[in-house]
N, C-alpha and C. Protein backbone atom coordinates (compact mmCIF):
# COMPACT_ATOMS: atom_id res chain seq x y z
N MET A 1 -0.62 -7.73 -28.16
CA MET A 1 -0.43 -8.23 -26.67
C MET A 1 0.23 -7.10 -26.06
N SER A 2 1.27 -6.04 -26.39
CA SER A 2 1.53 -5.16 -25.40
C SER A 2 0.77 -4.21 -24.86
N LYS A 3 -0.50 -4.24 -25.30
CA LYS A 3 -1.63 -3.45 -24.34
C LYS A 3 -1.97 -4.17 -23.18
N ILE A 4 -1.67 -5.52 -23.26
CA ILE A 4 -1.75 -6.30 -22.06
C ILE A 4 -0.84 -6.40 -21.11
N LYS A 5 0.42 -6.17 -21.60
CA LYS A 5 1.39 -6.12 -20.33
C LYS A 5 1.69 -4.94 -19.70
N ILE A 6 2.02 -4.99 -18.67
CA ILE A 6 2.22 -3.60 -17.97
C ILE A 6 3.62 -3.88 -17.15
N THR A 7 4.33 -2.97 -16.53
CA THR A 7 5.55 -2.75 -16.32
C THR A 7 5.24 -3.26 -14.73
N CYS A 8 6.04 -3.41 -13.74
CA CYS A 8 6.15 -3.79 -12.11
C CYS A 8 5.50 -2.47 -11.65
N ASP A 9 5.87 -1.06 -11.98
CA ASP A 9 5.58 0.04 -11.35
C ASP A 9 3.84 0.40 -11.85
N GLN A 10 3.47 -0.17 -13.15
CA GLN A 10 2.00 -0.33 -13.26
C GLN A 10 1.29 -1.20 -12.44
N ALA A 11 1.66 -2.27 -12.42
CA ALA A 11 1.05 -3.47 -11.25
C ALA A 11 0.88 -2.85 -10.22
N THR A 12 1.93 -2.21 -9.47
CA THR A 12 2.12 -1.83 -7.90
C THR A 12 1.05 -0.61 -8.02
N THR A 13 0.83 0.12 -9.07
CA THR A 13 -0.19 1.21 -8.70
C THR A 13 -1.53 0.65 -8.98
N ILE A 14 -1.96 -0.26 -9.89
CA ILE A 14 -3.12 -0.96 -9.73
C ILE A 14 -3.42 -1.66 -8.71
N CYS A 15 -2.38 -2.16 -8.32
CA CYS A 15 -2.95 -2.89 -6.89
C CYS A 15 -3.38 -2.02 -5.93
N ASP A 16 -2.66 -0.99 -5.76
CA ASP A 16 -2.86 0.37 -4.81
C ASP A 16 -4.37 0.81 -4.95
N LYS A 17 -4.54 1.01 -6.46
CA LYS A 17 -6.11 1.40 -6.50
C LYS A 17 -6.87 0.21 -6.41
N SER A 18 -6.94 -0.91 -6.54
CA SER A 18 -7.93 -2.10 -6.43
C SER A 18 -8.11 -2.38 -5.15
N GLN A 19 -7.33 -2.04 -4.12
CA GLN A 19 -7.35 -2.28 -2.84
C GLN A 19 -8.73 -1.24 -2.60
N TYR A 20 -8.53 -0.20 -2.95
CA TYR A 20 -9.59 1.00 -2.63
C TYR A 20 -10.84 1.00 -3.56
N GLY A 21 -10.77 0.01 -4.66
CA GLY A 21 -12.00 -0.29 -5.46
C GLY A 21 -11.98 0.74 -6.65
N LYS A 22 -10.87 1.53 -6.58
CA LYS A 22 -10.69 2.47 -7.97
C LYS A 22 -10.10 1.97 -9.26
N ALA A 23 -10.01 0.55 -9.18
CA ALA A 23 -9.38 -0.09 -10.51
C ALA A 23 -9.93 -0.42 -11.53
N SER A 24 -10.40 -0.42 -12.49
CA SER A 24 -11.12 -0.71 -13.32
C SER A 24 -11.12 -2.42 -13.64
N LEU A 25 -11.90 -2.80 -14.41
CA LEU A 25 -12.09 -4.39 -14.55
C LEU A 25 -10.78 -4.84 -15.24
N VAL A 26 -10.40 -3.53 -16.43
CA VAL A 26 -9.54 -3.93 -17.18
C VAL A 26 -8.03 -4.16 -16.56
N GLU A 27 -7.99 -3.04 -15.90
CA GLU A 27 -6.90 -2.91 -15.08
C GLU A 27 -6.41 -4.11 -13.98
N VAL A 28 -7.60 -4.67 -13.63
CA VAL A 28 -7.71 -5.74 -12.66
C VAL A 28 -7.15 -7.11 -13.55
N ILE A 29 -7.57 -6.96 -14.84
CA ILE A 29 -7.39 -8.29 -15.62
C ILE A 29 -5.94 -8.41 -15.78
N LYS A 30 -5.36 -7.14 -16.33
CA LYS A 30 -3.72 -6.96 -16.76
C LYS A 30 -2.86 -7.10 -15.28
N LEU A 31 -3.71 -6.73 -13.92
CA LEU A 31 -2.77 -7.21 -13.07
C LEU A 31 -2.56 -8.23 -12.70
N ARG A 32 -4.11 -9.45 -13.02
CA ARG A 32 -3.99 -10.80 -12.68
C ARG A 32 -2.71 -11.38 -13.72
N ILE A 33 -2.69 -10.74 -15.16
CA ILE A 33 -1.86 -11.72 -15.87
C ILE A 33 -0.71 -11.32 -15.68
N HIS A 34 -0.53 -9.71 -15.12
CA HIS A 34 1.33 -9.54 -14.87
C HIS A 34 1.67 -10.75 -13.58
N PHE A 35 0.69 -11.19 -12.86
CA PHE A 35 1.21 -12.07 -11.45
C PHE A 35 1.66 -13.45 -12.25
N LEU A 36 1.21 -13.88 -13.28
CA LEU A 36 1.79 -14.81 -14.01
C LEU A 36 3.18 -14.94 -13.95
N GLY A 37 3.34 -13.71 -14.64
CA GLY A 37 4.96 -13.76 -14.95
C GLY A 37 5.75 -13.13 -13.60
N CYS A 38 5.13 -12.42 -12.84
CA CYS A 38 5.95 -11.71 -11.54
C CYS A 38 5.58 -12.33 -10.09
N LYS A 39 6.39 -13.01 -9.81
CA LYS A 39 6.03 -12.90 -8.25
C LYS A 39 6.35 -12.06 -7.45
N PHE A 40 7.06 -11.32 -7.75
CA PHE A 40 7.38 -9.82 -6.66
C PHE A 40 6.15 -9.44 -6.69
N CYS A 41 5.57 -8.67 -7.63
CA CYS A 41 4.39 -8.05 -7.68
C CYS A 41 3.29 -8.64 -6.75
N ALA A 42 2.98 -9.96 -7.41
CA ALA A 42 1.79 -10.91 -6.27
C ALA A 42 2.08 -11.00 -5.18
N LEU A 43 3.14 -10.88 -4.68
CA LEU A 43 3.66 -11.03 -3.23
C LEU A 43 3.61 -9.52 -2.62
N TYR A 44 3.98 -8.47 -3.57
CA TYR A 44 3.64 -7.05 -2.61
C TYR A 44 1.88 -6.81 -2.59
N THR A 45 1.19 -7.29 -3.87
CA THR A 45 -0.05 -7.14 -3.25
C THR A 45 -0.50 -8.16 -2.08
N LYS A 46 -0.02 -9.38 -1.80
CA LYS A 46 -0.41 -10.04 -0.57
C LYS A 46 -0.31 -9.15 0.41
N GLN A 47 1.20 -8.75 0.49
CA GLN A 47 1.36 -7.94 1.71
C GLN A 47 0.57 -6.77 1.98
N ASN A 48 0.55 -6.13 0.72
CA ASN A 48 -0.34 -4.96 1.17
C ASN A 48 -1.86 -5.00 1.40
N ASN A 49 -2.59 -6.00 1.06
CA ASN A 49 -3.65 -6.31 1.08
C ASN A 49 -3.63 -6.71 3.03
N LEU A 50 -2.63 -7.40 3.31
CA LEU A 50 -2.40 -7.94 4.70
C LEU A 50 -2.26 -6.75 5.70
N LEU A 51 -1.21 -6.02 5.53
CA LEU A 51 -1.22 -4.65 6.08
C LEU A 51 -2.27 -3.51 6.31
N SER A 52 -3.44 -3.95 4.98
CA SER A 52 -4.46 -2.87 5.08
C SER A 52 -5.60 -3.55 6.28
N LYS A 53 -5.60 -4.91 6.09
CA LYS A 53 -6.47 -5.53 7.02
C LYS A 53 -6.20 -5.27 8.48
N ILE A 54 -4.94 -5.44 8.57
CA ILE A 54 -4.47 -5.59 10.07
C ILE A 54 -4.98 -3.89 10.66
N LEU A 55 -4.48 -3.00 9.74
CA LEU A 55 -4.45 -1.48 10.12
C LEU A 55 -6.13 -1.12 10.22
N ASN A 56 -7.18 -2.21 9.25
CA ASN A 56 -8.25 -1.64 9.12
C ASN A 56 -8.59 -0.73 8.66
N LEU A 57 -7.78 -0.34 7.14
CA LEU A 57 -8.10 0.57 6.59
C LEU A 57 -9.47 0.64 5.40
N ASN A 58 -9.47 -0.81 5.07
CA ASN A 58 -10.17 -1.20 4.01
C ASN A 58 -11.70 -0.63 4.25
N LYS A 59 -11.96 -0.83 5.66
CA LYS A 59 -13.50 -0.37 5.86
C LYS A 59 -13.75 1.11 6.46
N GLY A 60 -12.37 1.49 6.30
CA GLY A 60 -12.78 2.85 7.13
C GLY A 60 -12.69 3.24 8.35
N GLY A 61 -12.19 2.18 9.07
CA GLY A 61 -12.49 1.95 10.78
C GLY A 61 -10.82 2.66 11.18
N SER A 62 -11.10 2.87 12.62
CA SER A 62 -9.73 3.34 12.88
C SER A 62 -8.83 2.20 13.09
N ALA A 63 -7.32 2.65 13.04
CA ALA A 63 -6.32 1.70 13.20
C ALA A 63 -6.36 0.73 14.38
N ILE A 64 -5.87 -0.59 14.37
CA ILE A 64 -6.08 -1.34 15.60
C ILE A 64 -4.81 -0.83 16.39
N CYS A 65 -3.84 -0.52 15.78
CA CYS A 65 -2.72 -0.27 16.80
C CYS A 65 -2.14 1.48 16.34
N SER A 66 -2.57 1.97 17.65
CA SER A 66 -2.11 3.66 17.02
C SER A 66 -1.43 4.25 17.99
N MET A 67 -0.43 5.08 18.25
CA MET A 67 -0.09 5.89 19.12
C MET A 67 -0.82 6.52 20.16
N THR A 68 -0.33 6.37 21.44
CA THR A 68 -0.99 7.39 22.45
C THR A 68 -0.45 8.78 22.01
N GLU A 69 -1.27 9.79 22.80
CA GLU A 69 -0.95 11.19 22.23
C GLU A 69 0.77 11.61 23.06
N GLU A 70 0.66 10.58 24.27
CA GLU A 70 2.18 10.94 24.77
C GLU A 70 3.25 10.52 23.86
N GLU A 71 3.10 9.22 23.15
CA GLU A 71 4.30 8.83 22.36
C GLU A 71 4.10 9.98 21.23
N LYS A 72 3.18 10.39 20.65
CA LYS A 72 3.10 11.26 19.49
C LYS A 72 3.97 12.47 19.82
N LYS A 73 3.78 13.28 21.56
CA LYS A 73 4.53 14.18 21.30
C LYS A 73 6.02 13.96 21.45
N LEU A 74 5.98 12.77 22.11
CA LEU A 74 7.80 12.30 22.38
C LEU A 74 8.29 12.33 21.20
N MET A 75 7.75 11.73 19.90
CA MET A 75 8.26 11.78 18.80
C MET A 75 8.41 12.86 17.94
N ARG A 76 7.49 13.84 18.06
CA ARG A 76 7.42 15.21 17.66
C ARG A 76 8.82 16.03 18.18
N SER A 77 9.16 15.96 19.59
CA SER A 77 9.96 16.20 20.11
C SER A 77 11.77 15.73 19.74
N GLN A 78 11.39 14.50 19.44
CA GLN A 78 12.75 13.99 18.73
C GLN A 78 12.81 14.30 17.56
N LEU A 79 11.75 14.64 16.62
CA LEU A 79 12.05 15.13 15.16
C LEU A 79 12.51 16.10 15.48
N GLU A 80 12.12 17.26 15.98
CA GLU A 80 12.86 18.80 16.29
C GLU A 80 14.03 18.62 16.65
N GLU A 81 14.21 17.82 17.54
CA GLU A 81 15.86 17.90 18.07
C GLU A 81 16.52 17.45 16.98
N LYS A 82 15.92 16.22 15.90
CA LYS A 82 16.88 16.37 14.94
C LYS A 82 17.14 17.04 13.85
N LYS A 83 16.21 18.01 13.82
CA LYS A 83 15.88 19.32 12.56
C LYS A 83 16.94 20.21 12.98
N THR A 84 17.01 20.26 14.62
CA THR A 84 17.89 21.42 14.91
C THR A 84 19.38 21.08 14.89
N ASP A 85 19.55 19.50 15.17
CA ASP A 85 21.22 19.34 14.88
C ASP A 85 21.64 19.24 13.60
N SER A 86 20.85 19.20 12.69
CA SER A 86 21.28 19.26 11.33
C SER A 86 21.95 20.41 10.70
């Protein structure tokens, strides 16, 4: 029985792997069994999959929402300012 049980850390790792088709069948089964007793990991998986769909990462496409070059430059300059202030 202990070979079937996994921790929440292991469950989130398997969740991330399965999202990209890298998890084995045994890992996916262990994850599903873990969901029966852990609603937090089930919620994590649901939210993780939703975020990936929103950003269109599963299909290898470009993100739906992305920053413009101007926004990126502004963010870089703000980060550099914070570095020099520290």
